[in-house]
N, C-alpha and C. Protein backbone atom coordinates (compact mmCIF):
# COMPACT_ATOMS: atom_id res chain seq x y z
N UNK A 1 -11.61 -17.30 18.42
CA UNK A 1 -11.14 -18.11 17.32
C UNK A 1 -10.96 -17.26 16.06
N UNK A 2 -11.90 -16.32 15.85
CA UNK A 2 -11.83 -15.44 14.69
C UNK A 2 -10.57 -14.58 14.73
N UNK A 3 -10.24 -14.09 15.92
CA UNK A 3 -9.07 -13.24 16.08
C UNK A 3 -7.80 -14.01 15.74
N UNK A 4 -7.73 -15.24 16.15
CA UNK A 4 -6.56 -16.08 15.86
C UNK A 4 -6.40 -16.30 14.36
N UNK A 5 -7.50 -16.52 13.68
CA UNK A 5 -7.45 -16.70 12.22
C UNK A 5 -7.00 -15.41 11.54
N UNK A 6 -7.50 -14.27 12.00
CA UNK A 6 -7.11 -12.99 11.42
C UNK A 6 -5.63 -12.72 11.65
N UNK A 7 -5.14 -13.00 12.85
CA UNK A 7 -3.71 -12.80 13.14
C UNK A 7 -2.84 -13.72 12.28
N UNK A 8 -3.25 -14.96 12.13
CA UNK A 8 -2.50 -15.89 11.28
C UNK A 8 -2.48 -15.42 9.83
N UNK A 9 -3.60 -14.90 9.35
CA UNK A 9 -3.66 -14.40 7.97
C UNK A 9 -2.75 -13.18 7.81
N UNK A 10 -2.74 -12.29 8.80
CA UNK A 10 -1.86 -11.11 8.73
C UNK A 10 -0.39 -11.51 8.73
N UNK A 11 -0.02 -12.44 9.59
CA UNK A 11 1.37 -12.90 9.64
C UNK A 11 1.75 -13.52 8.30
N UNK A 12 0.86 -14.29 7.72
CA UNK A 12 1.13 -14.90 6.41
C UNK A 12 1.29 -13.84 5.33
N UNK A 13 0.42 -12.83 5.32
CA UNK A 13 0.53 -11.76 4.33
C UNK A 13 1.82 -10.97 4.50
N UNK A 14 2.18 -10.66 5.75
CA UNK A 14 3.42 -9.93 6.00
C UNK A 14 4.64 -10.77 5.60
N UNK A 15 4.58 -12.07 5.80
CA UNK A 15 5.69 -12.95 5.40
C UNK A 15 5.82 -12.99 3.88
N UNK A 16 4.68 -13.06 3.19
CA UNK A 16 4.71 -13.08 1.73
C UNK A 16 5.24 -11.75 1.19
N UNK A 17 4.89 -10.64 1.86
CA UNK A 17 5.36 -9.32 1.43
C UNK A 17 6.84 -9.11 1.77
N UNK A 18 7.40 -9.96 2.61
CA UNK A 18 8.80 -9.82 2.99
C UNK A 18 9.01 -8.93 4.19
N UNK A 19 7.94 -8.60 4.90
CA UNK A 19 8.05 -7.73 6.07
C UNK A 19 8.41 -8.52 7.32
N UNK A 20 8.15 -9.82 7.33
CA UNK A 20 8.50 -10.70 8.45
C UNK A 20 9.30 -11.86 7.88
N UNK A 21 10.41 -12.18 8.54
CA UNK A 21 11.19 -13.35 8.16
C UNK A 21 11.38 -14.24 9.38
N UNK A 22 11.55 -15.50 9.13
CA UNK A 22 11.76 -16.48 10.19
C UNK A 22 13.13 -17.10 9.98
N UNK A 23 13.87 -17.32 11.06
CA UNK A 23 15.18 -17.96 10.93
C UNK A 23 15.44 -18.88 12.11
N UNK A 24 16.33 -19.84 11.90
CA UNK A 24 16.71 -20.79 12.94
C UNK A 24 18.21 -20.99 12.87
N UNK A 25 18.91 -20.59 13.92
CA UNK A 25 20.36 -20.73 13.99
C UNK A 25 20.74 -21.48 15.26
N UNK A 26 21.55 -22.48 15.15
CA UNK A 26 22.12 -23.23 16.27
C UNK A 26 21.17 -23.34 17.47
N UNK A 27 20.01 -23.91 17.22
CA UNK A 27 19.07 -24.17 18.31
C UNK A 27 18.20 -22.99 18.70
N UNK A 28 18.32 -21.87 18.03
CA UNK A 28 17.49 -20.69 18.35
C UNK A 28 16.64 -20.34 17.14
N UNK A 29 15.41 -20.07 17.40
CA UNK A 29 14.50 -19.62 16.35
C UNK A 29 14.18 -18.16 16.58
N UNK A 30 13.96 -17.42 15.49
CA UNK A 30 13.64 -16.01 15.64
C UNK A 30 12.67 -15.56 14.56
N UNK A 31 11.94 -14.52 14.90
CA UNK A 31 11.04 -13.85 13.97
C UNK A 31 11.57 -12.44 13.83
N UNK A 32 11.85 -12.02 12.61
CA UNK A 32 12.46 -10.71 12.38
C UNK A 32 11.49 -9.81 11.63
N UNK A 33 11.32 -8.60 12.13
CA UNK A 33 10.56 -7.59 11.42
C UNK A 33 11.54 -6.81 10.56
N UNK A 34 11.35 -6.83 9.28
CA UNK A 34 12.24 -6.16 8.34
C UNK A 34 11.81 -4.70 8.21
N UNK A 35 12.25 -3.87 9.15
CA UNK A 35 11.79 -2.48 9.22
C UNK A 35 12.23 -1.66 8.01
N UNK A 36 13.39 -1.95 7.46
CA UNK A 36 13.83 -1.21 6.27
C UNK A 36 12.91 -1.50 5.08
N UNK A 37 12.54 -2.76 4.93
CA UNK A 37 11.63 -3.16 3.85
C UNK A 37 10.26 -2.51 4.04
N UNK A 38 9.78 -2.50 5.27
CA UNK A 38 8.48 -1.88 5.57
C UNK A 38 8.55 -0.39 5.27
N UNK A 39 9.63 0.26 5.68
CA UNK A 39 9.80 1.70 5.46
C UNK A 39 9.83 2.02 3.96
N UNK A 40 10.56 1.22 3.19
CA UNK A 40 10.64 1.45 1.74
C UNK A 40 9.28 1.26 1.07
N UNK A 41 8.58 0.19 1.42
CA UNK A 41 7.29 -0.10 0.81
C UNK A 41 6.25 0.97 1.15
N UNK A 42 6.19 1.36 2.41
CA UNK A 42 5.20 2.38 2.79
C UNK A 42 5.56 3.74 2.20
N UNK A 43 6.86 4.04 2.07
CA UNK A 43 7.27 5.29 1.42
C UNK A 43 6.85 5.30 -0.04
N UNK A 44 7.00 4.16 -0.71
CA UNK A 44 6.60 4.07 -2.11
C UNK A 44 5.09 4.22 -2.24
N UNK A 45 4.34 3.62 -1.34
CA UNK A 45 2.88 3.74 -1.37
C UNK A 45 2.47 5.19 -1.16
N UNK A 46 3.11 5.87 -0.21
CA UNK A 46 2.79 7.27 0.04
C UNK A 46 3.11 8.14 -1.17
N UNK A 47 4.23 7.87 -1.83
CA UNK A 47 4.62 8.63 -3.03
C UNK A 47 3.60 8.42 -4.15
N UNK A 48 3.19 7.17 -4.38
CA UNK A 48 2.22 6.88 -5.43
C UNK A 48 0.87 7.52 -5.11
N UNK A 49 0.48 7.52 -3.83
CA UNK A 49 -0.76 8.18 -3.44
C UNK A 49 -0.70 9.68 -3.67
N UNK A 50 0.47 10.26 -3.38
CA UNK A 50 0.66 11.69 -3.60
C UNK A 50 0.57 12.03 -5.08
N UNK A 51 1.18 11.21 -5.92
CA UNK A 51 1.10 11.42 -7.37
C UNK A 51 -0.33 11.29 -7.87
N UNK A 52 -1.07 10.34 -7.33
CA UNK A 52 -2.46 10.16 -7.71
C UNK A 52 -3.28 11.40 -7.36
N UNK A 53 -3.05 11.95 -6.17
CA UNK A 53 -3.77 13.17 -5.77
C UNK A 53 -3.38 14.36 -6.64
N UNK A 54 -2.10 14.48 -7.00
CA UNK A 54 -1.67 15.56 -7.88
C UNK A 54 -2.35 15.46 -9.24
N UNK A 55 -2.42 14.24 -9.77
CA UNK A 55 -3.08 14.04 -11.06
C UNK A 55 -4.56 14.37 -10.98
N UNK A 56 -5.19 14.01 -9.88
CA UNK A 56 -6.61 14.32 -9.71
C UNK A 56 -6.81 15.83 -9.59
N UNK A 57 -5.89 16.50 -8.92
CA UNK A 57 -5.98 17.95 -8.77
C UNK A 57 -5.84 18.66 -10.12
N UNK A 58 -4.96 18.13 -10.97
CA UNK A 58 -4.79 18.71 -12.30
C UNK A 58 -6.03 18.52 -13.16
N UNK A 59 -6.79 17.46 -12.90
CA UNK A 59 -8.00 17.18 -13.68
C UNK A 59 -9.13 18.14 -13.33
N UNK A 60 -9.11 18.66 -12.12
CA UNK A 60 -10.21 19.51 -11.66
C UNK A 60 -9.67 20.91 -11.40
N UNK A 61 -10.30 21.90 -12.01
CA UNK A 61 -9.87 23.28 -11.78
C UNK A 61 -10.49 23.79 -10.47
N UNK A 62 -9.98 24.91 -9.94
CA UNK A 62 -10.49 25.43 -8.66
C UNK A 62 -11.98 25.76 -8.67
N UNK A 63 -12.55 26.11 -9.80
CA UNK A 63 -13.97 26.45 -9.84
C UNK A 63 -14.88 25.23 -9.99
N UNK A 64 -14.28 24.05 -10.00
CA UNK A 64 -15.07 22.82 -10.05
C UNK A 64 -15.25 22.26 -11.45
N UNK A 65 -14.84 23.00 -12.47
CA UNK A 65 -14.95 22.50 -13.84
C UNK A 65 -13.75 21.62 -14.15
N UNK A 66 -13.94 20.65 -14.97
CA UNK A 66 -12.83 19.78 -15.35
C UNK A 66 -12.11 20.33 -16.56
N UNK A 67 -10.90 19.85 -16.78
CA UNK A 67 -10.11 20.28 -17.94
C UNK A 67 -10.45 19.48 -19.19
N UNK A 68 -11.36 18.55 -19.07
CA UNK A 68 -11.75 17.73 -20.21
C UNK A 68 -12.68 18.51 -21.13
N UNK A 69 -12.67 18.18 -22.41
CA UNK A 69 -13.62 18.86 -23.31
C UNK A 69 -15.05 18.43 -22.95
N UNK A 70 -16.01 19.31 -23.19
CA UNK A 70 -17.39 18.96 -22.85
C UNK A 70 -17.88 17.77 -23.66
N UNK A 71 -18.68 16.95 -23.02
CA UNK A 71 -19.23 15.77 -23.70
C UNK A 71 -20.34 16.22 -24.63
N UNK A 72 -20.37 15.60 -25.81
CA UNK A 72 -21.43 15.92 -26.77
C UNK A 72 -22.58 14.98 -26.53
N UNK A 73 -23.78 15.48 -26.72
CA UNK A 73 -24.96 14.66 -26.52
C UNK A 73 -25.22 13.84 -27.76
N UNK A 74 -25.65 12.61 -27.54
CA UNK A 74 -25.98 11.74 -28.66
C UNK A 74 -27.35 12.14 -29.23
N UNK A 75 -27.50 12.09 -30.56
CA UNK A 75 -28.79 12.50 -31.18
C UNK A 75 -29.92 11.56 -30.85
């Protein structure tokens, strides 16, 4: 029963994201996987993740010290 609920939730999420569409034409129903939409979205996620890693790399120098100014201690 749990698996069925999880599958239904995934299908609903994919439909909301536009990755799955449903259609009915002249007595036929179909479920379509929008592979171009999936490819674009995952490519964008990969690009944003890459940018995040580049920014994190710029924050940390190779010797482990950060590029930020040292924090001052409160009196």
